[in-house]
Amino acid sequence: MDPRVALSALTNALEEHLSTAVNRRSEDDPAVETAFYSVADAFEAYEDALFGATGEVTPLDLYDEDDDDTLDDDDLDTDTDAADN
């Protein structure tokens, strides 16, 4: 897939997610969840297309609820470490 096509699909998915979030009908609106997963799928397609065409990746990671179970201080990036030096 051409990375430009994948980028366009990602942009469209983000716009749809924004629209559904702003027009949410309830706390558990299934349209918002569907749009959320569409963004994730479009991002993965873009990342794959970008890497396939250029060997590059984005500095972004997909959020996975399972990854958020335990955070420790090493997982948090703060500016206080830089100020200490």
N, C-alpha and C. Protein backbone atom coordinates (compact mmCIF):
# COMPACT_ATOMS: atom_id res chain seq x y z
N MET A 1 0.84 -1.18 0.00
CA MET A 1 0.00 0.00 0.00
C MET A 1 0.89 1.24 0.00
N ASP A 2 0.51 2.22 -0.75
CA ASP A 2 1.20 3.51 -0.80
C ASP A 2 1.02 4.19 0.56
N PRO A 3 2.10 4.66 1.19
CA PRO A 3 1.96 5.31 2.49
C PRO A 3 1.07 6.55 2.45
N ARG A 4 0.99 7.21 1.31
CA ARG A 4 0.12 8.38 1.20
C ARG A 4 -1.35 7.99 1.30
N VAL A 5 -1.69 6.86 0.71
CA VAL A 5 -3.06 6.36 0.79
C VAL A 5 -3.37 5.96 2.23
N ALA A 6 -2.43 5.28 2.86
CA ALA A 6 -2.62 4.86 4.25
C ALA A 6 -2.71 6.07 5.18
N LEU A 7 -1.92 7.10 4.91
CA LEU A 7 -1.98 8.33 5.71
C LEU A 7 -3.34 9.00 5.56
N SER A 8 -3.84 9.03 4.36
CA SER A 8 -5.17 9.61 4.13
C SER A 8 -6.25 8.83 4.88
N ALA A 9 -6.15 7.51 4.88
CA ALA A 9 -7.11 6.68 5.61
C ALA A 9 -6.99 6.94 7.12
N LEU A 10 -5.77 7.12 7.62
CA LEU A 10 -5.57 7.42 9.03
C LEU A 10 -6.19 8.77 9.38
N THR A 11 -5.95 9.76 8.56
CA THR A 11 -6.52 11.09 8.80
C THR A 11 -8.04 11.02 8.82
N ASN A 12 -8.62 10.29 7.88
CA ASN A 12 -10.08 10.14 7.84
C ASN A 12 -10.59 9.43 9.09
N ALA A 13 -9.87 8.41 9.55
CA ALA A 13 -10.27 7.68 10.76
C ALA A 13 -10.21 8.59 11.99
N LEU A 14 -9.18 9.44 12.06
CA LEU A 14 -9.08 10.38 13.17
C LEU A 14 -10.22 11.39 13.14
N GLU A 15 -10.57 11.88 11.97
CA GLU A 15 -11.68 12.82 11.85
C GLU A 15 -13.00 12.17 12.26
N GLU A 16 -13.20 10.92 11.87
CA GLU A 16 -14.41 10.21 12.24
C GLU A 16 -14.45 9.97 13.75
N HIS A 17 -13.31 9.65 14.34
CA HIS A 17 -13.26 9.45 15.79
C HIS A 17 -13.62 10.74 16.52
N LEU A 18 -13.09 11.86 16.08
CA LEU A 18 -13.42 13.15 16.68
C LEU A 18 -14.92 13.42 16.56
N SER A 19 -15.46 13.20 15.39
CA SER A 19 -16.88 13.44 15.17
C SER A 19 -17.75 12.59 16.09
N THR A 20 -17.42 11.31 16.20
CA THR A 20 -18.23 10.44 17.06
C THR A 20 -18.05 10.79 18.54
N ALA A 21 -16.85 11.19 18.93
CA ALA A 21 -16.62 11.57 20.33
C ALA A 21 -17.40 12.84 20.68
N VAL A 22 -17.38 13.80 19.79
CA VAL A 22 -18.09 15.06 20.03
C VAL A 22 -19.61 14.84 20.05
N ASN A 23 -20.09 13.92 19.24
CA ASN A 23 -21.53 13.66 19.13
C ASN A 23 -21.95 12.41 19.90
N ARG A 24 -21.18 12.03 20.88
CA ARG A 24 -21.45 10.84 21.70
C ARG A 24 -22.88 10.90 22.23
N ARG A 25 -23.59 9.76 22.11
CA ARG A 25 -24.97 9.68 22.57
C ARG A 25 -25.08 9.16 23.99
N SER A 26 -24.06 8.48 24.47
CA SER A 26 -24.05 7.95 25.83
C SER A 26 -22.61 7.65 26.21
N GLU A 27 -22.40 7.34 27.48
CA GLU A 27 -21.05 7.02 27.95
C GLU A 27 -20.47 5.81 27.22
N ASP A 28 -21.32 4.86 26.88
CA ASP A 28 -20.88 3.63 26.21
C ASP A 28 -21.32 3.58 24.75
N ASP A 29 -21.27 4.71 24.08
CA ASP A 29 -21.70 4.79 22.68
C ASP A 29 -20.85 3.85 21.82
N PRO A 30 -21.47 2.85 21.18
CA PRO A 30 -20.70 1.91 20.38
C PRO A 30 -20.04 2.56 19.16
N ALA A 31 -20.56 3.66 18.69
CA ALA A 31 -19.95 4.34 17.54
C ALA A 31 -18.56 4.87 17.90
N VAL A 32 -18.40 5.31 19.14
CA VAL A 32 -17.10 5.82 19.58
C VAL A 32 -16.10 4.68 19.66
N GLU A 33 -16.53 3.55 20.18
CA GLU A 33 -15.64 2.39 20.25
C GLU A 33 -15.24 1.90 18.86
N THR A 34 -16.20 1.87 17.96
CA THR A 34 -15.90 1.47 16.58
C THR A 34 -14.89 2.42 15.94
N ALA A 35 -15.09 3.72 16.15
CA ALA A 35 -14.16 4.71 15.60
C ALA A 35 -12.78 4.57 16.22
N PHE A 36 -12.73 4.27 17.52
CA PHE A 36 -11.47 4.06 18.22
C PHE A 36 -10.67 2.94 17.55
N TYR A 37 -11.32 1.82 17.30
CA TYR A 37 -10.63 0.69 16.69
C TYR A 37 -10.29 0.96 15.22
N SER A 38 -11.08 1.78 14.57
CA SER A 38 -10.76 2.16 13.19
C SER A 38 -9.48 2.98 13.13
N VAL A 39 -9.30 3.86 14.12
CA VAL A 39 -8.05 4.63 14.20
C VAL A 39 -6.87 3.70 14.41
N ALA A 40 -7.02 2.75 15.33
CA ALA A 40 -5.92 1.80 15.60
C ALA A 40 -5.58 0.99 14.36
N ASP A 41 -6.59 0.51 13.66
CA ASP A 41 -6.34 -0.27 12.44
C ASP A 41 -5.69 0.58 11.36
N ALA A 42 -6.17 1.81 11.19
CA ALA A 42 -5.61 2.70 10.17
C ALA A 42 -4.17 3.07 10.51
N PHE A 43 -3.89 3.26 11.80
CA PHE A 43 -2.52 3.57 12.21
C PHE A 43 -1.59 2.41 11.89
N GLU A 44 -2.01 1.20 12.22
CA GLU A 44 -1.16 0.04 11.94
C GLU A 44 -0.91 -0.10 10.44
N ALA A 45 -1.93 0.15 9.63
CA ALA A 45 -1.77 0.07 8.18
C ALA A 45 -0.78 1.13 7.69
N TYR A 46 -0.88 2.34 8.26
CA TYR A 46 0.03 3.41 7.87
C TYR A 46 1.47 3.07 8.29
N GLU A 47 1.62 2.59 9.52
CA GLU A 47 2.95 2.24 10.01
C GLU A 47 3.58 1.17 9.13
N ASP A 48 2.80 0.16 8.76
CA ASP A 48 3.30 -0.90 7.89
C ASP A 48 3.66 -0.37 6.50
N ALA A 49 2.80 0.47 5.95
CA ALA A 49 3.06 1.03 4.62
C ALA A 49 4.28 1.94 4.64
N LEU A 50 4.41 2.75 5.68
CA LEU A 50 5.56 3.65 5.80
C LEU A 50 6.85 2.85 5.90
N PHE A 51 6.83 1.82 6.75
CA PHE A 51 8.03 1.01 6.92
C PHE A 51 8.37 0.26 5.63
N GLY A 52 7.36 -0.26 4.96
CA GLY A 52 7.59 -0.99 3.72
C GLY A 52 8.18 -0.12 2.62
N ALA A 53 7.75 1.14 2.58
CA ALA A 53 8.21 2.04 1.51
C ALA A 53 9.52 2.74 1.84
N THR A 54 9.76 3.00 3.14
CA THR A 54 10.91 3.84 3.49
C THR A 54 11.84 3.25 4.54
N GLY A 55 11.40 2.21 5.24
CA GLY A 55 12.19 1.68 6.34
C GLY A 55 12.07 2.51 7.60
N GLU A 56 11.20 3.48 7.60
CA GLU A 56 11.00 4.37 8.75
C GLU A 56 9.76 3.97 9.52
N VAL A 57 9.70 4.39 10.78
CA VAL A 57 8.53 4.20 11.62
C VAL A 57 8.18 5.53 12.28
N THR A 58 7.00 5.60 12.87
CA THR A 58 6.61 6.81 13.60
C THR A 58 7.08 6.68 15.05
N PRO A 59 7.10 7.78 15.79
CA PRO A 59 7.47 7.70 17.20
C PRO A 59 6.28 7.36 18.09
N LEU A 60 5.21 6.85 17.51
CA LEU A 60 3.96 6.59 18.24
C LEU A 60 3.78 5.11 18.53
N ASP A 61 3.13 4.82 19.63
CA ASP A 61 2.75 3.46 19.99
C ASP A 61 1.25 3.41 20.20
N LEU A 62 0.64 2.29 19.88
CA LEU A 62 -0.78 2.11 20.16
C LEU A 62 -0.96 1.81 21.64
N TYR A 63 -1.97 2.39 22.22
CA TYR A 63 -2.31 2.16 23.61
C TYR A 63 -3.02 0.82 23.73
N ASP A 64 -2.56 0.03 24.67
CA ASP A 64 -3.19 -1.26 24.94
C ASP A 64 -3.54 -1.26 26.41
N GLU A 65 -4.82 -1.44 26.74
CA GLU A 65 -5.25 -1.38 28.13
C GLU A 65 -4.48 -2.36 29.01
N ASP A 66 -4.07 -3.49 28.48
CA ASP A 66 -3.32 -4.47 29.25
C ASP A 66 -1.94 -3.94 29.65
N ASP A 67 -1.38 -3.04 28.82
CA ASP A 67 -0.06 -2.48 29.12
C ASP A 67 -0.10 -1.47 30.26
N ASP A 68 -1.29 -0.96 30.59
CA ASP A 68 -1.43 0.10 31.58
C ASP A 68 -1.63 -0.45 32.99
N ASP A 69 -1.58 -1.76 33.16
CA ASP A 69 -1.85 -2.35 34.47
C ASP A 69 -0.86 -1.91 35.53
N THR A 70 0.40 -1.85 35.18
CA THR A 70 1.40 -1.45 36.16
C THR A 70 2.37 -0.46 35.54
N LEU A 71 2.43 0.70 36.13
CA LEU A 71 3.40 1.71 35.73
C LEU A 71 4.34 1.92 36.90
N ASP A 72 5.61 2.01 36.61
CA ASP A 72 6.55 2.37 37.66
C ASP A 72 7.24 3.67 37.26
N ASP A 73 8.07 4.19 38.14
CA ASP A 73 8.71 5.48 37.88
C ASP A 73 9.53 5.50 36.60
N ASP A 74 10.09 4.36 36.22
CA ASP A 74 10.90 4.30 35.01
C ASP A 74 10.05 4.47 33.75
N ASP A 75 8.75 4.20 33.85
CA ASP A 75 7.86 4.33 32.70
C ASP A 75 7.44 5.77 32.46
N LEU A 76 7.62 6.62 33.45
CA LEU A 76 7.19 8.00 33.34
C LEU A 76 8.36 8.87 32.92
N ASP A 77 8.15 9.66 31.85
CA ASP A 77 9.17 10.55 31.34
C ASP A 77 8.90 11.93 31.93
N THR A 78 9.80 12.40 32.77
CA THR A 78 9.60 13.71 33.39
C THR A 78 10.78 14.59 33.11
N ASP A 79 10.53 15.89 33.18
CA ASP A 79 11.59 16.86 32.96
C ASP A 79 12.44 17.05 34.22
N THR A 80 12.01 16.52 35.36
CA THR A 80 12.77 16.72 36.59
C THR A 80 14.10 16.00 36.53
N ASP A 81 14.19 14.90 35.78
CA ASP A 81 15.47 14.20 35.65
C ASP A 81 16.49 15.09 34.95
N ALA A 82 16.07 15.80 33.93
CA ALA A 82 16.97 16.67 33.19
C ALA A 82 17.40 17.86 34.04
N ALA A 83 16.51 18.33 34.92
CA ALA A 83 16.83 19.47 35.76
C ALA A 83 17.86 19.10 36.83
N ASP A 84 17.90 17.82 37.19
CA ASP A 84 18.85 17.38 38.21
C ASP A 84 20.30 17.39 37.73
N ASN A 85 20.52 17.38 36.42
CA ASN A 85 21.89 17.32 35.87
C ASN A 85 22.49 18.67 35.73
